């Protein structure tokens, strides 16, 4: 009997140690914890974050994140709706473009090429597969941050792996991100891009 009890207790302890802590960054009701820079804004509508206008950046100001998985559940209102998840921001951004040039933008744009479509790190690391669902359907993106390595899963499929320091294409135009190292610990944000692009987010969470 003692052996059975000990085995049971050990199993519970192992399960609790293996369980991940999940932190919800969006409460479905407000922009509590978030701050907008740049133009226009995100609004809360029917329990979702909705992009309006652009170019702007909504960032979570309360905490910078190191090793974790960022989960974003989103849908687009059209096939070329443009947005992005900004990761590895070294500090609070001061303008909309700060995130593009000082962090990494994980692209949301079903119509882009492999360097600019959903799951790409914009113009730096290509998405190896197209796996975004049609406009109006929910997508789940999971961005894994482990030291200098970033992995991106879109609807359960690994579409991108990038390690800091690997070779990247040359920068071709001013709005492409400035090349250079990003920190292992940083802030995260969401991009509102332009008036023609409407993207909805119903979950932004971090698990560690």
Protein backbone atom coordinates (compact mmCIF):
# COMPACT_ATOMS: atom_id res chain seq x y z
CA UNK A 1 0.00 0.00 0.00
CA UNK A 2 2.84 2.41 0.88
CA UNK A 3 4.48 1.76 -2.47
CA UNK A 4 1.21 2.54 -4.26
CA UNK A 5 0.73 5.78 -2.30
CA UNK A 6 4.31 6.89 -2.96
CA UNK A 7 3.94 6.12 -6.67
CA UNK A 8 0.70 8.12 -6.78
CA UNK A 9 2.28 11.12 -5.01
CA UNK A 10 5.31 11.05 -7.30
CA UNK A 11 3.06 10.95 -10.36
CA UNK A 12 1.14 14.02 -9.13
CA UNK A 13 4.40 15.88 -8.44
CA UNK A 14 5.76 15.02 -11.89
CA UNK A 15 2.57 16.20 -13.54
CA UNK A 16 2.58 19.47 -11.62
CA UNK A 17 6.25 20.10 -12.44
CA UNK A 18 5.62 19.38 -16.12
CA UNK A 19 2.60 21.66 -16.32
CA UNK A 20 3.22 25.00 -17.97
CA UNK A 21 2.23 28.31 -16.46
CA UNK A 22 -0.04 30.14 -18.91
CA UNK A 23 -0.38 33.90 -18.65
CA UNK A 24 -3.25 35.52 -20.57
CA UNK A 25 -2.19 38.97 -21.79
CA UNK A 26 -5.59 39.95 -23.20
CA UNK A 27 -8.60 39.76 -20.88
CA UNK A 28 -11.22 39.97 -23.66
CA UNK A 29 -12.65 43.18 -22.22
CA UNK A 30 -10.05 45.93 -22.20
CA UNK A 31 -6.55 47.05 -23.16
CA UNK A 32 -5.39 46.65 -19.58
CA UNK A 33 -1.60 46.22 -19.60
CA UNK A 34 -1.22 47.38 -23.20
CA UNK A 35 -0.10 50.68 -24.72
CA UNK A 36 -0.44 52.03 -28.27
CA UNK A 37 2.22 53.95 -30.21
CA UNK A 38 2.02 55.26 -33.76
CA UNK A 39 -1.18 55.91 -35.65
CA UNK A 40 -4.78 54.81 -35.03
CA UNK A 41 -5.33 52.03 -32.55
CA UNK A 42 -6.65 48.65 -31.58
CA UNK A 43 -10.20 48.49 -30.26
CA UNK A 44 -11.96 45.83 -28.21
CA UNK A 45 -15.00 44.51 -30.08
CA UNK A 46 -17.10 41.47 -29.09
CA UNK A 47 -14.32 40.08 -26.91
CA UNK A 48 -11.65 40.53 -29.58
CA UNK A 49 -8.86 42.96 -30.36
CA UNK A 50 -9.46 44.59 -33.74
CA UNK A 51 -6.96 46.56 -35.81
CA UNK A 52 -8.00 49.98 -37.10
CA UNK A 53 -6.01 52.12 -39.51
CA UNK A 54 -2.24 52.16 -39.29
CA UNK A 55 0.73 52.28 -39.01
CA UNK A 56 0.69 51.52 -35.28
CA UNK A 57 1.96 49.18 -32.60
CA UNK A 58 0.16 47.92 -29.51
CA UNK A 59 2.63 46.45 -27.02
CA UNK A 60 2.33 44.68 -23.68
CA UNK A 61 4.14 47.04 -21.33
CA UNK A 62 4.07 45.18 -18.03
CA UNK A 63 6.67 42.52 -18.67
CA UNK A 64 9.49 41.47 -20.97
CA UNK A 65 9.61 37.76 -21.82
CA UNK A 66 12.52 35.34 -22.16
CA UNK A 67 12.17 31.63 -22.83
CA UNK A 68 8.48 31.02 -23.48
CA UNK A 69 5.87 30.24 -26.10
CA UNK A 70 3.73 33.12 -27.32
CA UNK A 71 0.31 31.94 -28.52
CA UNK A 72 -1.74 34.20 -30.76
CA UNK A 73 -5.18 33.27 -32.11
CA UNK A 74 -6.24 35.51 -35.00
CA UNK A 75 -8.42 35.79 -38.07
CA UNK A 76 -8.36 38.18 -41.00
CA UNK A 77 -11.19 39.99 -42.75
CA UNK A 78 -9.58 39.60 -46.18
CA UNK A 79 -6.96 37.64 -48.07
CA UNK A 80 -4.40 40.47 -47.99
CA UNK A 81 -5.04 41.76 -44.49
CA UNK A 82 -1.67 42.73 -43.06
CA UNK A 83 -0.52 42.65 -39.44
CA UNK A 84 2.23 41.11 -37.37
CA UNK A 85 3.36 39.91 -33.96
CA UNK A 86 6.40 41.81 -32.71
CA UNK A 87 8.85 39.87 -30.54
CA UNK A 88 12.21 40.47 -28.82
CA UNK A 89 11.72 44.22 -28.33
CA UNK A 90 14.60 45.47 -26.14
CA UNK A 91 12.57 48.25 -24.51
CA UNK A 92 9.26 50.07 -24.68
CA UNK A 93 8.83 51.31 -28.27
CA UNK A 94 8.49 55.01 -28.93
CA UNK A 95 6.92 54.83 -32.40
CA UNK A 96 5.24 52.34 -34.74
CA UNK A 97 8.42 51.51 -36.68
CA UNK A 98 10.54 50.89 -33.59
CA UNK A 99 9.23 47.34 -33.35
CA UNK A 100 10.02 46.54 -36.99
CA UNK A 101 13.61 47.77 -36.75
CA UNK A 102 14.56 46.76 -33.21
CA UNK A 103 12.53 43.59 -32.67
CA UNK A 104 11.37 40.94 -35.12
CA UNK A 105 8.02 41.05 -36.89
CA UNK A 106 6.38 37.66 -37.29
CA UNK A 107 4.30 38.42 -40.34
CA UNK A 108 0.55 38.03 -40.81
CA UNK A 109 -0.24 38.37 -44.51
CA UNK A 110 -1.65 35.43 -46.48
CA UNK A 111 -0.79 37.05 -49.81
CA UNK A 112 2.93 37.63 -49.32
CA UNK A 113 5.86 35.65 -50.73
CA UNK A 114 7.87 33.24 -48.56
CA UNK A 115 9.82 36.11 -46.94
CA UNK A 116 6.71 38.18 -46.24
CA UNK A 117 3.82 35.75 -45.72
CA UNK A 118 2.25 34.57 -42.50
CA UNK A 119 4.86 32.88 -40.32
CA UNK A 120 7.88 34.62 -41.85
CA UNK A 121 10.11 36.83 -39.75
CA UNK A 122 9.59 39.75 -42.06
CA UNK A 123 12.33 39.77 -44.75
CA UNK A 124 14.76 37.96 -42.40
CA UNK A 125 13.65 34.33 -42.16
CA UNK A 126 11.25 32.78 -44.67
CA UNK A 127 8.12 30.77 -43.94
CA UNK A 128 8.68 27.32 -45.44
CA UNK A 129 4.97 26.52 -45.82
CA UNK A 130 1.65 28.28 -46.40
CA UNK A 131 -0.76 27.13 -43.74
CA UNK A 132 -3.06 30.08 -43.04
CA UNK A 133 -6.78 29.39 -43.13
CA UNK A 134 -9.13 31.42 -45.36
CA UNK A 135 -10.31 34.86 -44.29
CA UNK A 136 -12.88 34.66 -41.50
CA UNK A 137 -11.47 31.44 -39.98
CA UNK A 138 -9.40 31.34 -36.79
CA UNK A 139 -5.67 30.60 -36.94
CA UNK A 140 -3.34 29.63 -34.10
CA UNK A 141 0.24 30.84 -34.20
CA UNK A 142 2.74 29.63 -31.60
CA UNK A 143 6.06 31.43 -31.40
CA UNK A 144 8.70 29.60 -29.40
CA UNK A 145 11.45 31.71 -27.85
CA UNK A 146 14.35 29.64 -26.52
CA UNK A 147 17.50 31.65 -26.05
CA UNK A 148 18.63 32.80 -29.49
CA UNK A 149 16.32 30.40 -31.33
CA UNK A 150 12.84 31.28 -32.59
CA UNK A 151 10.40 28.67 -33.89
CA UNK A 152 7.02 29.43 -35.43
CA UNK A 153 4.13 27.00 -35.75
CA UNK A 154 1.02 27.96 -37.71
CA UNK A 155 -2.06 25.81 -37.14
CA UNK A 156 0.13 23.01 -35.81
CA UNK A 157 2.71 23.04 -38.63
CA UNK A 158 6.30 24.21 -38.14
CA UNK A 159 6.76 26.96 -40.74
CA UNK A 160 9.90 28.75 -39.53
CA UNK A 161 13.06 28.19 -37.50
CA UNK A 162 15.54 30.99 -36.98
CA UNK A 163 18.67 31.20 -34.84
CA UNK A 164 20.28 34.52 -34.06
CA UNK A 165 23.42 35.02 -36.13
CA UNK A 166 22.49 32.86 -39.11
CA UNK A 167 22.86 34.35 -42.59
CA UNK A 168 19.99 36.62 -43.67
CA UNK A 169 19.18 38.39 -46.95
CA UNK A 170 20.54 41.91 -47.41
CA UNK A 171 18.27 44.80 -46.51
CA UNK A 172 16.80 46.26 -49.72
CA UNK A 173 14.57 49.15 -48.68
CA UNK A 174 14.07 51.45 -45.69
CA UNK A 175 10.96 49.76 -44.30
CA UNK A 176 12.62 46.36 -44.06
CA UNK A 177 14.01 45.70 -40.59
CA UNK A 178 17.46 46.91 -39.70
CA UNK A 179 19.73 43.87 -39.52
CA UNK A 180 21.43 43.03 -36.25
CA UNK A 181 21.08 41.05 -33.05
CA UNK A 182 17.94 41.09 -30.93
CA UNK A 183 17.83 40.32 -27.20
CA UNK A 184 16.95 36.98 -25.63
CA UNK A 185 14.48 38.79 -23.36
CA UNK A 186 12.09 41.38 -24.77
CA UNK A 187 8.64 42.88 -25.01
CA UNK A 188 5.95 41.71 -27.44
CA UNK A 189 3.37 43.61 -29.45
CA UNK A 190 0.81 43.56 -32.26
CA UNK A 191 0.88 45.66 -35.41
CA UNK A 192 -1.99 47.57 -36.99
CA UNK A 193 -0.86 48.17 -40.56
CA UNK A 194 -3.26 50.13 -42.79
CA UNK A 195 -6.90 51.09 -43.25
CA UNK A 196 -7.56 48.28 -45.72
CA UNK A 197 -6.30 45.59 -43.31
CA UNK A 198 -8.58 44.32 -40.56
CA UNK A 199 -7.29 41.57 -38.29
CA UNK A 200 -8.95 40.22 -35.14
CA UNK A 201 -7.19 38.63 -32.14
CA UNK A 202 -9.10 36.64 -29.51
CA UNK A 203 -6.15 35.26 -27.54
CA UNK A 204 -2.65 36.44 -26.74
CA UNK A 205 -0.99 34.31 -24.10
CA UNK A 206 2.44 33.28 -22.89
CA UNK A 207 3.35 29.87 -21.48
CA UNK A 208 6.55 29.01 -19.62
